[in-house]
């Protein structure tokens, strides 16, 4: 009965680790968390997978002596001088911060990002306005060019007509005299 419970718990642990991995991939791909935070969490999930494999090996009496394996699993990161085994590679800026302080830091970062996005939005809006003004100016210039083209064509037509008249008058004047 104990064996069944252990196997069931190990299977449940494997499924939950896989769910964590999928949720992490989704969070990174939808940019709910930064890539750096995603990498840190991926390292934690990989550590969980390793510990799960160690637990399975210990259950099957494979690998190192069972007592040594169990004690190292339960010790977590303590042998490396880390008091919390889940914070193996905590960034310097969050080291020693409590939950509320972390939340405040995240809010500050989000506010800074929002301010940056607002600045970017105003720059893009200004560029859009400049683009529209340039487009309007081009439309006006095109109208002026079209008008000028029409005037030049009219002038060219009149010049040709006058040239024909001059040739005709010149022909008549040479034939008369």
N, C-alpha and C. Protein backbone atom coordinates (compact mmCIF):
# COMPACT_ATOMS: atom_id res chain seq x y z
N UNK A 1 0.82 -1.19 0.00
CA UNK A 1 0.00 0.00 0.00
C UNK A 1 0.87 1.26 0.00
N UNK A 2 1.97 1.22 0.74
CA UNK A 2 2.88 2.34 0.77
C UNK A 2 3.53 2.51 -0.61
N UNK A 3 3.89 1.39 -1.25
CA UNK A 3 4.49 1.45 -2.58
C UNK A 3 3.54 2.10 -3.58
N UNK A 4 2.27 1.74 -3.51
CA UNK A 4 1.28 2.33 -4.42
C UNK A 4 1.17 3.83 -4.18
N UNK A 5 1.17 4.23 -2.91
CA UNK A 5 1.08 5.65 -2.58
C UNK A 5 2.31 6.40 -3.09
N UNK A 6 3.49 5.79 -2.94
CA UNK A 6 4.72 6.44 -3.40
C UNK A 6 4.71 6.57 -4.92
N UNK A 7 4.36 5.50 -5.62
CA UNK A 7 4.31 5.55 -7.08
C UNK A 7 3.30 6.60 -7.55
N UNK A 8 2.15 6.63 -6.88
CA UNK A 8 1.12 7.61 -7.24
C UNK A 8 1.63 9.04 -7.01
N UNK A 9 2.31 9.24 -5.89
CA UNK A 9 2.85 10.58 -5.60
C UNK A 9 3.93 10.96 -6.60
N UNK A 10 4.78 10.01 -6.98
CA UNK A 10 5.82 10.30 -7.97
C UNK A 10 5.20 10.65 -9.32
N UNK A 11 4.16 9.92 -9.71
CA UNK A 11 3.47 10.20 -10.97
C UNK A 11 2.82 11.58 -10.92
N UNK A 12 2.18 11.87 -9.81
CA UNK A 12 1.55 13.18 -9.64
C UNK A 12 2.58 14.29 -9.70
N UNK A 13 3.73 14.07 -9.08
CA UNK A 13 4.81 15.05 -9.11
C UNK A 13 5.28 15.27 -10.55
N UNK A 14 5.45 14.20 -11.31
CA UNK A 14 5.88 14.32 -12.70
C UNK A 14 4.88 15.15 -13.51
N UNK A 15 3.58 14.87 -13.32
CA UNK A 15 2.55 15.61 -14.05
C UNK A 15 2.55 17.09 -13.68
N UNK A 16 2.73 17.38 -12.39
CA UNK A 16 2.72 18.77 -11.96
C UNK A 16 3.96 19.52 -12.47
N UNK A 17 5.08 18.82 -12.52
CA UNK A 17 6.28 19.45 -13.08
C UNK A 17 6.05 19.76 -14.55
N UNK A 18 5.42 18.83 -15.27
CA UNK A 18 5.13 19.07 -16.69
C UNK A 18 4.16 20.24 -16.86
N UNK A 19 3.16 20.34 -15.99
CA UNK A 19 2.24 21.48 -16.03
C UNK A 19 2.98 22.79 -15.78
N UNK A 20 3.91 22.76 -14.81
CA UNK A 20 4.72 23.95 -14.54
C UNK A 20 5.51 24.36 -15.77
N UNK A 21 6.09 23.38 -16.43
CA UNK A 21 6.89 23.66 -17.63
C UNK A 21 6.02 24.29 -18.71
N UNK A 22 4.81 23.75 -18.93
CA UNK A 22 3.92 24.29 -19.96
C UNK A 22 3.47 25.71 -19.61
N UNK A 23 3.12 25.93 -18.33
CA UNK A 23 2.71 27.26 -17.90
C UNK A 23 3.85 28.26 -18.05
N UNK A 24 5.06 27.81 -17.75
CA UNK A 24 6.23 28.68 -17.89
C UNK A 24 6.45 29.06 -19.35
N UNK A 25 6.36 28.08 -20.24
CA UNK A 25 6.52 28.36 -21.67
C UNK A 25 5.46 29.34 -22.16
N UNK A 26 4.24 29.14 -21.70
CA UNK A 26 3.15 30.03 -22.09
C UNK A 26 3.39 31.44 -21.56
N UNK A 27 3.85 31.54 -20.30
CA UNK A 27 4.09 32.86 -19.70
C UNK A 27 5.20 33.60 -20.44
N UNK A 28 6.24 32.87 -20.85
CA UNK A 28 7.34 33.52 -21.57
C UNK A 28 6.88 33.91 -22.97
N UNK A 29 6.15 33.02 -23.64
CA UNK A 29 5.75 33.32 -25.03
C UNK A 29 4.72 34.45 -25.10
N UNK A 30 3.88 34.60 -24.08
CA UNK A 30 2.91 35.70 -24.06
C UNK A 30 3.46 36.94 -23.37
N UNK A 31 4.73 36.88 -22.98
CA UNK A 31 5.44 38.00 -22.35
C UNK A 31 4.81 38.44 -21.03
N UNK A 32 4.24 37.47 -20.30
CA UNK A 32 3.74 37.79 -18.96
C UNK A 32 4.91 37.96 -18.00
N UNK A 33 6.03 37.30 -18.32
CA UNK A 33 7.26 37.46 -17.54
C UNK A 33 8.40 37.73 -18.51
N UNK A 34 9.48 38.29 -17.99
CA UNK A 34 10.62 38.60 -18.85
C UNK A 34 11.37 37.33 -19.20
N UNK A 35 12.18 37.41 -20.24
CA UNK A 35 12.98 36.25 -20.65
C UNK A 35 13.95 35.85 -19.55
N UNK A 36 14.53 36.84 -18.86
CA UNK A 36 15.47 36.57 -17.78
C UNK A 36 14.78 35.81 -16.65
N UNK A 37 13.58 36.26 -16.29
CA UNK A 37 12.83 35.57 -15.24
C UNK A 37 12.41 34.19 -15.73
N UNK A 38 12.07 34.06 -17.00
CA UNK A 38 11.71 32.75 -17.56
C UNK A 38 12.89 31.79 -17.49
N UNK A 39 14.08 32.28 -17.78
CA UNK A 39 15.27 31.43 -17.69
C UNK A 39 15.53 30.99 -16.25
N UNK A 40 15.36 31.93 -15.31
CA UNK A 40 15.57 31.60 -13.90
C UNK A 40 14.58 30.52 -13.46
N UNK A 41 13.33 30.70 -13.86
CA UNK A 41 12.31 29.72 -13.48
C UNK A 41 12.53 28.39 -14.19
N UNK A 42 13.03 28.44 -15.43
CA UNK A 42 13.32 27.19 -16.14
C UNK A 42 14.41 26.41 -15.41
N UNK A 43 15.40 27.12 -14.88
CA UNK A 43 16.44 26.45 -14.09
C UNK A 43 15.84 25.77 -12.87
N UNK A 44 14.88 26.42 -12.23
CA UNK A 44 14.22 25.82 -11.07
C UNK A 44 13.42 24.58 -11.47
N UNK A 45 12.73 24.66 -12.60
CA UNK A 45 11.96 23.50 -13.08
C UNK A 45 12.91 22.35 -13.42
N UNK A 46 14.03 22.68 -14.05
CA UNK A 46 15.02 21.64 -14.37
C UNK A 46 15.56 20.99 -13.10
N UNK A 47 15.76 21.81 -12.06
CA UNK A 47 16.20 21.26 -10.78
C UNK A 47 15.13 20.32 -10.20
N UNK A 48 13.86 20.70 -10.36
CA UNK A 48 12.77 19.82 -9.91
C UNK A 48 12.79 18.49 -10.65
N UNK A 49 13.02 18.54 -11.95
CA UNK A 49 13.08 17.31 -12.75
C UNK A 49 14.22 16.42 -12.25
N UNK A 50 15.37 17.03 -11.97
CA UNK A 50 16.51 16.27 -11.46
C UNK A 50 16.17 15.63 -10.12
N UNK A 51 15.55 16.40 -9.25
CA UNK A 51 15.18 15.87 -7.93
C UNK A 51 14.14 14.76 -8.07
N UNK A 52 13.23 14.92 -9.03
CA UNK A 52 12.23 13.88 -9.25
C UNK A 52 12.91 12.58 -9.69
N UNK A 53 13.87 12.71 -10.61
CA UNK A 53 14.60 11.53 -11.06
C UNK A 53 15.37 10.89 -9.91
N UNK A 54 15.95 11.72 -9.04
CA UNK A 54 16.66 11.19 -7.88
C UNK A 54 15.70 10.45 -6.96
N UNK A 55 14.51 11.01 -6.78
CA UNK A 55 13.51 10.34 -5.94
C UNK A 55 13.10 8.99 -6.54
N UNK A 56 12.89 8.96 -7.84
CA UNK A 56 12.52 7.70 -8.49
C UNK A 56 13.65 6.68 -8.37
N UNK A 57 14.88 7.14 -8.57
CA UNK A 57 16.02 6.23 -8.44
C UNK A 57 16.14 5.72 -7.01
N UNK A 58 15.91 6.60 -6.06
CA UNK A 58 15.97 6.20 -4.65
C UNK A 58 14.86 5.20 -4.34
N UNK A 59 13.69 5.42 -4.91
CA UNK A 59 12.56 4.50 -4.68
C UNK A 59 12.87 3.12 -5.24
N UNK A 60 13.56 3.08 -6.38
CA UNK A 60 13.89 1.79 -6.98
C UNK A 60 15.21 1.23 -6.44
N UNK A 61 15.78 1.92 -5.44
CA UNK A 61 17.06 1.52 -4.84
C UNK A 61 18.18 1.50 -5.85
N UNK A 62 18.18 2.50 -6.76
CA UNK A 62 19.26 2.65 -7.73
C UNK A 62 20.11 3.83 -7.29
N UNK A 63 21.27 3.96 -7.85
CA UNK A 63 22.12 5.12 -7.60
C UNK A 63 22.83 5.02 -6.27
N UNK A 64 23.14 6.17 -5.63
CA UNK A 64 23.91 6.17 -4.38
C UNK A 64 23.13 5.54 -3.24
N UNK A 65 23.79 5.40 -2.15
CA UNK A 65 23.18 4.80 -0.97
C UNK A 65 21.92 5.57 -0.62
N UNK A 66 20.79 4.87 -0.37
CA UNK A 66 19.51 5.55 -0.18
C UNK A 66 19.54 6.64 0.89
N UNK A 67 20.19 6.40 2.00
CA UNK A 67 20.20 7.40 3.06
C UNK A 67 20.91 8.68 2.61
N UNK A 68 22.01 8.52 1.86
CA UNK A 68 22.74 9.69 1.38
C UNK A 68 21.89 10.48 0.39
N UNK A 69 21.21 9.75 -0.50
CA UNK A 69 20.38 10.40 -1.50
C UNK A 69 19.24 11.16 -0.83
N UNK A 70 18.59 10.54 0.13
CA UNK A 70 17.47 11.19 0.82
C UNK A 70 17.93 12.43 1.56
N UNK A 71 19.06 12.33 2.23
CA UNK A 71 19.53 13.49 3.00
C UNK A 71 19.90 14.64 2.06
N UNK A 72 20.48 14.32 0.90
CA UNK A 72 20.83 15.39 -0.03
C UNK A 72 19.58 16.01 -0.65
N UNK A 73 18.54 15.19 -0.87
CA UNK A 73 17.29 15.74 -1.40
C UNK A 73 16.63 16.66 -0.40
N UNK A 74 16.62 16.26 0.85
CA UNK A 74 15.97 17.06 1.88
C UNK A 74 16.78 18.30 2.23
N UNK A 75 18.08 18.24 2.03
CA UNK A 75 18.92 19.39 2.35
C UNK A 75 18.75 20.50 1.33
N UNK A 76 18.33 20.15 0.12
CA UNK A 76 18.12 21.15 -0.92
C UNK A 76 19.40 21.87 -1.24
N UNK A 77 19.37 23.18 -1.21
CA UNK A 77 20.56 23.96 -1.54
C UNK A 77 21.38 24.33 -0.32
N UNK A 78 21.06 23.79 0.86
CA UNK A 78 21.74 24.19 2.08
C UNK A 78 23.22 23.88 2.03
N UNK A 79 23.59 22.84 1.34
CA UNK A 79 25.01 22.50 1.28
C UNK A 79 25.80 23.52 0.48
N UNK A 80 25.11 24.32 -0.32
CA UNK A 80 25.78 25.36 -1.09
C UNK A 80 25.70 26.72 -0.41
N UNK A 81 25.17 26.74 0.78
CA UNK A 81 25.10 27.99 1.52
C UNK A 81 23.84 28.79 1.22
N UNK A 82 22.88 28.23 0.53
CA UNK A 82 21.63 28.90 0.22
C UNK A 82 20.61 28.45 1.23
N UNK A 83 19.94 29.39 1.88
CA UNK A 83 18.98 29.00 2.91
C UNK A 83 17.67 28.50 2.31
N UNK A 84 17.29 28.99 1.17
CA UNK A 84 16.06 28.57 0.52
C UNK A 84 16.42 27.78 -0.73
N UNK A 85 16.09 26.48 -0.80
CA UNK A 85 16.50 25.68 -1.94
C UNK A 85 15.83 26.10 -3.25
N UNK A 86 14.75 26.89 -3.20
CA UNK A 86 14.05 27.28 -4.43
C UNK A 86 14.64 28.54 -5.04
N UNK A 87 15.53 29.19 -4.31
CA UNK A 87 16.16 30.41 -4.82
C UNK A 87 17.64 30.15 -5.08
N UNK A 88 17.90 29.23 -5.97
CA UNK A 88 19.27 28.80 -6.22
C UNK A 88 20.12 29.90 -6.82
N UNK A 89 19.58 30.62 -7.80
CA UNK A 89 20.33 31.68 -8.46
C UNK A 89 19.52 32.97 -8.45
N UNK A 90 19.27 33.47 -7.27
CA UNK A 90 18.47 34.69 -7.14
C UNK A 90 19.28 35.89 -7.59
N UNK A 91 18.67 36.77 -8.39
CA UNK A 91 19.40 37.96 -8.84
C UNK A 91 19.77 38.86 -7.67
N UNK A 92 20.83 39.62 -7.85
CA UNK A 92 21.35 40.49 -6.78
C UNK A 92 20.30 41.52 -6.34
N UNK A 93 19.54 42.06 -7.31
CA UNK A 93 18.59 43.13 -6.97
C UNK A 93 17.40 42.62 -6.15
N UNK A 94 17.14 41.31 -6.13
CA UNK A 94 16.02 40.79 -5.35
C UNK A 94 16.47 40.02 -4.13
N UNK A 95 17.77 39.84 -3.97
CA UNK A 95 18.28 39.05 -2.84
C UNK A 95 17.92 39.73 -1.54
N UNK A 96 17.31 38.98 -0.65
CA UNK A 96 16.97 39.47 0.68
C UNK A 96 15.67 40.24 0.75
N UNK A 97 14.96 40.39 -0.36
CA UNK A 97 13.70 41.14 -0.35
C UNK A 97 12.55 40.22 0.02
N UNK A 98 11.60 40.77 0.76
CA UNK A 98 10.40 40.03 1.10
C UNK A 98 9.38 40.11 -0.02
N UNK A 99 8.25 39.41 0.19
CA UNK A 99 7.22 39.36 -0.83
C UNK A 99 6.70 40.75 -1.18
N UNK A 100 6.38 41.55 -0.15
CA UNK A 100 5.85 42.90 -0.40
C UNK A 100 6.88 43.78 -1.09
N UNK A 101 8.14 43.64 -0.69
CA UNK A 101 9.19 44.44 -1.33
C UNK A 101 9.37 44.03 -2.79
N UNK A 102 9.28 42.72 -3.07
CA UNK A 102 9.36 42.25 -4.45
C UNK A 102 8.21 42.80 -5.27
N UNK A 103 7.03 42.78 -4.69
CA UNK A 103 5.86 43.30 -5.39
C UNK A 103 6.03 44.80 -5.68
N UNK A 104 6.54 45.55 -4.70
CA UNK A 104 6.77 46.98 -4.91
C UNK A 104 7.81 47.20 -6.00
N UNK A 105 8.86 46.37 -5.99
CA UNK A 105 9.89 46.49 -7.02
C UNK A 105 9.31 46.19 -8.40
N UNK A 106 8.47 45.16 -8.49
CA UNK A 106 7.84 44.83 -9.77
C UNK A 106 6.92 45.96 -10.22
N UNK A 107 6.17 46.54 -9.29
CA UNK A 107 5.30 47.67 -9.64
C UNK A 107 6.12 48.85 -10.15
N UNK A 108 7.25 49.12 -9.49
CA UNK A 108 8.12 50.22 -9.91
C UNK A 108 8.65 49.96 -11.32
N UNK A 109 9.07 48.73 -11.56
CA UNK A 109 9.58 48.37 -12.89
C UNK A 109 8.48 48.53 -13.93
N UNK A 110 7.27 48.07 -13.60
CA UNK A 110 6.15 48.18 -14.53
C UNK A 110 5.82 49.66 -14.78
N UNK A 111 5.87 50.49 -13.72
CA UNK A 111 5.62 51.92 -13.90
C UNK A 111 6.67 52.55 -14.80
N UNK A 112 7.93 52.15 -14.63
CA UNK A 112 9.00 52.67 -15.49
C UNK A 112 8.76 52.24 -16.94
N UNK A 113 8.36 50.98 -17.11
CA UNK A 113 8.07 50.50 -18.47
C UNK A 113 6.88 51.24 -19.06
N UNK A 114 5.86 51.49 -18.23
CA UNK A 114 4.69 52.24 -18.71
C UNK A 114 5.09 53.66 -19.12
N UNK A 115 5.96 54.27 -18.32
CA UNK A 115 6.41 55.63 -18.66
C UNK A 115 7.19 55.60 -19.98
N UNK A 116 8.02 54.58 -20.15
CA UNK A 116 8.76 54.45 -21.41
C UNK A 116 7.82 54.23 -22.58
N UNK A 117 6.79 53.42 -22.37
CA UNK A 117 5.81 53.17 -23.43
C UNK A 117 5.02 54.43 -23.75
N UNK A 118 4.69 55.23 -22.72
CA UNK A 118 3.99 56.49 -22.96
C UNK A 118 4.85 57.44 -23.78
N UNK A 119 6.14 57.50 -23.44
CA UNK A 119 7.05 58.36 -24.21
C UNK A 119 7.14 57.87 -25.64
N UNK A 120 7.27 56.57 -25.82
CA UNK A 120 7.33 55.99 -27.16
C UNK A 120 6.04 56.27 -27.93
N UNK A 121 4.91 56.16 -27.23
CA UNK A 121 3.62 56.44 -27.86
C UNK A 121 3.53 57.88 -28.33
N UNK A 122 4.01 58.82 -27.51
CA UNK A 122 3.94 60.23 -27.92
C UNK A 122 4.88 60.48 -29.10
N UNK A 123 6.04 59.83 -29.11
CA UNK A 123 6.96 59.98 -30.24
C UNK A 123 6.32 59.44 -31.52
N UNK A 124 5.70 58.29 -31.41
CA UNK A 124 5.06 57.68 -32.58
C UNK A 124 3.88 58.54 -33.05
N UNK A 125 3.13 59.09 -32.10
CA UNK A 125 2.01 59.98 -32.47
C UNK A 125 2.53 61.20 -33.22
N UNK A 126 3.64 61.76 -32.72
CA UNK A 126 4.23 62.94 -33.39
C UNK A 126 4.70 62.57 -34.79
N UNK A 127 5.32 61.42 -34.93
CA UNK A 127 5.76 60.98 -36.26
C UNK A 127 4.57 60.75 -37.18
N UNK A 128 3.48 60.22 -36.63
CA UNK A 128 2.28 60.03 -37.44
C UNK A 128 1.75 61.37 -37.91
N UNK A 129 1.71 62.33 -36.98
CA UNK A 129 1.23 63.67 -37.34
C UNK A 129 2.13 64.29 -38.41
N UNK A 130 3.45 64.14 -38.25
CA UNK A 130 4.38 64.67 -39.25
C UNK A 130 4.17 63.99 -40.60
N UNK A 131 3.96 62.68 -40.57
CA UNK A 131 3.70 61.95 -41.81
C UNK A 131 2.44 62.44 -42.50
N UNK A 132 1.38 62.69 -41.71
CA UNK A 132 0.14 63.21 -42.29
C UNK A 132 0.35 64.60 -42.87
N UNK A 133 1.11 65.45 -42.16
CA UNK A 133 1.39 66.79 -42.67
C UNK A 133 2.20 66.72 -43.95
N UNK A 134 3.18 65.82 -43.99
CA UNK A 134 3.97 65.65 -45.21
C UNK A 134 3.08 65.18 -46.35
N UNK A 135 2.17 64.25 -46.05
CA UNK A 135 1.24 63.75 -47.06
C UNK A 135 0.35 64.87 -47.59
N UNK A 136 -0.16 65.71 -46.67
CA UNK A 136 -1.00 66.85 -47.09
C UNK A 136 -0.19 67.82 -47.96
N UNK A 137 1.04 68.10 -47.56
CA UNK A 137 1.90 69.01 -48.34
C UNK A 137 2.16 68.42 -49.72
N UNK A 138 2.40 67.10 -49.78
CA UNK A 138 2.62 66.46 -51.08
C UNK A 138 1.38 66.56 -51.96
N UNK A 139 0.20 66.39 -51.35
CA UNK A 139 -1.04 66.52 -52.13
C UNK A 139 -1.15 67.93 -52.71
N UNK A 140 -0.86 68.94 -51.88
CA UNK A 140 -0.92 70.33 -52.37
C UNK A 140 0.10 70.56 -53.48
N UNK A 141 1.31 70.06 -53.29
CA UNK A 141 2.35 70.23 -54.31
C UNK A 141 1.95 69.52 -55.61
N UNK A 142 1.34 68.35 -55.49
CA UNK A 142 0.88 67.63 -56.69
C UNK A 142 -0.19 68.42 -57.42
N UNK A 143 -1.09 69.05 -56.67
CA UNK A 143 -2.11 69.89 -57.31
C UNK A 143 -1.47 71.06 -58.04
N UNK A 144 -0.48 71.68 -57.39
CA UNK A 144 0.23 72.81 -58.03
C UNK A 144 0.93 72.32 -59.29
N UNK A 145 1.57 71.18 -59.23
CA UNK A 145 2.26 70.62 -60.41
C UNK A 145 1.26 70.31 -61.51
N UNK A 146 0.09 69.73 -61.13
CA UNK A 146 -0.93 69.45 -62.14
C UNK A 146 -1.41 70.75 -62.80
N UNK A 147 -1.66 71.78 -61.98
CA UNK A 147 -2.08 73.07 -62.54
C UNK A 147 -1.00 73.63 -63.46
N UNK A 148 0.24 73.56 -63.02
CA UNK A 148 1.35 74.06 -63.84
C UNK A 148 1.47 73.28 -65.14
N UNK A 149 1.27 71.98 -65.05
CA UNK A 149 1.31 71.15 -66.26
C UNK A 149 0.22 71.57 -67.23
N UNK A 150 -0.98 71.80 -66.73
CA UNK A 150 -2.09 72.25 -67.59
C UNK A 150 -1.76 73.61 -68.23
N UNK A 151 -1.21 74.53 -67.43
CA UNK A 151 -0.84 75.84 -67.98
C UNK A 151 0.23 75.71 -69.06
N UNK A 152 1.23 74.86 -68.82
CA UNK A 152 2.29 74.67 -69.81
C UNK A 152 1.72 74.06 -71.08
N UNK A 153 0.81 73.09 -70.94
CA UNK A 153 0.20 72.47 -72.12
C UNK A 153 -0.62 73.50 -72.90
N UNK A 154 -1.39 74.31 -72.17
CA UNK A 154 -2.17 75.36 -72.85
C UNK A 154 -1.25 76.35 -73.57
N UNK A 155 -0.20 76.76 -72.88
CA UNK A 155 0.75 77.69 -73.49
C UNK A 155 1.41 77.06 -74.70
N UNK A 156 1.76 75.78 -74.60
CA UNK A 156 2.37 75.07 -75.73
C UNK A 156 1.41 75.02 -76.91
N UNK A 157 0.14 74.74 -76.64
CA UNK A 157 -0.87 74.70 -77.72
C UNK A 157 -1.01 76.08 -78.38
N UNK A 158 -1.07 77.12 -77.57
CA UNK A 158 -1.19 78.47 -78.13
C UNK A 158 0.05 78.85 -78.94
N UNK A 159 1.21 78.46 -78.43
CA UNK A 159 2.45 78.75 -79.13
C UNK A 159 2.48 78.05 -80.49
N UNK A 160 2.05 76.83 -80.55
CA UNK A 160 1.98 76.11 -81.82
C UNK A 160 1.00 76.77 -82.78
N UNK A 161 -0.16 77.16 -82.24
CA UNK A 161 -1.14 77.85 -83.08
C UNK A 161 -0.56 79.15 -83.63
N UNK A 162 0.09 79.91 -82.76
CA UNK A 162 0.68 81.18 -83.21
C UNK A 162 1.80 80.93 -84.22
N UNK A 163 2.58 79.87 -83.99
CA UNK A 163 3.64 79.54 -84.95
C UNK A 163 3.03 79.19 -86.29
N UNK A 164 1.93 78.44 -86.32
CA UNK A 164 1.25 78.12 -87.57
C UNK A 164 0.75 79.38 -88.25
N UNK A 165 0.18 80.30 -87.47
CA UNK A 165 -0.31 81.55 -88.03
C UNK A 165 0.84 82.36 -88.65
N UNK A 166 1.95 82.41 -87.94
CA UNK A 166 3.11 83.16 -88.45
C UNK A 166 3.59 82.53 -89.74
N UNK A 167 3.65 81.22 -89.81
CA UNK A 167 4.09 80.54 -91.04
C UNK A 167 3.11 80.84 -92.17
N UNK A 168 1.85 80.83 -91.84
CA UNK A 168 0.83 81.10 -92.86
C UNK A 168 0.96 82.54 -93.36
N UNK A 169 1.14 83.47 -92.44
CA UNK A 169 1.29 84.87 -92.82
C UNK A 169 2.57 85.05 -93.63
N UNK A 170 3.63 84.39 -93.23
CA UNK A 170 4.89 84.46 -93.94
C UNK A 170 4.74 83.89 -95.36
N UNK A 171 4.00 82.80 -95.50
CA UNK A 171 3.76 82.20 -96.81
C UNK A 171 2.95 83.13 -97.70
N UNK A 172 1.95 83.76 -97.13
CA UNK A 172 1.09 84.66 -97.90
C UNK A 172 1.90 85.91 -98.28
N UNK A 173 2.74 86.36 -97.39
CA UNK A 173 3.52 87.58 -97.69
C UNK A 173 4.55 87.30 -98.78
N UNK A 174 5.11 86.12 -98.82
CA UNK A 174 6.07 85.79 -99.87
C UNK A 174 5.35 85.54 -101.20
N UNK A 175 4.15 85.06 -101.17
CA UNK A 175 3.43 84.79 -102.40
C UNK A 175 2.87 86.09 -103.00
N UNK A 176 2.65 87.10 -102.20
CA UNK A 176 2.11 88.37 -102.67
C UNK A 176 3.21 89.29 -103.19
N UNK A 177 4.30 89.10 -102.80
CA UNK A 177 5.17 90.13 -103.20
C UNK A 177 6.57 89.87 -103.43
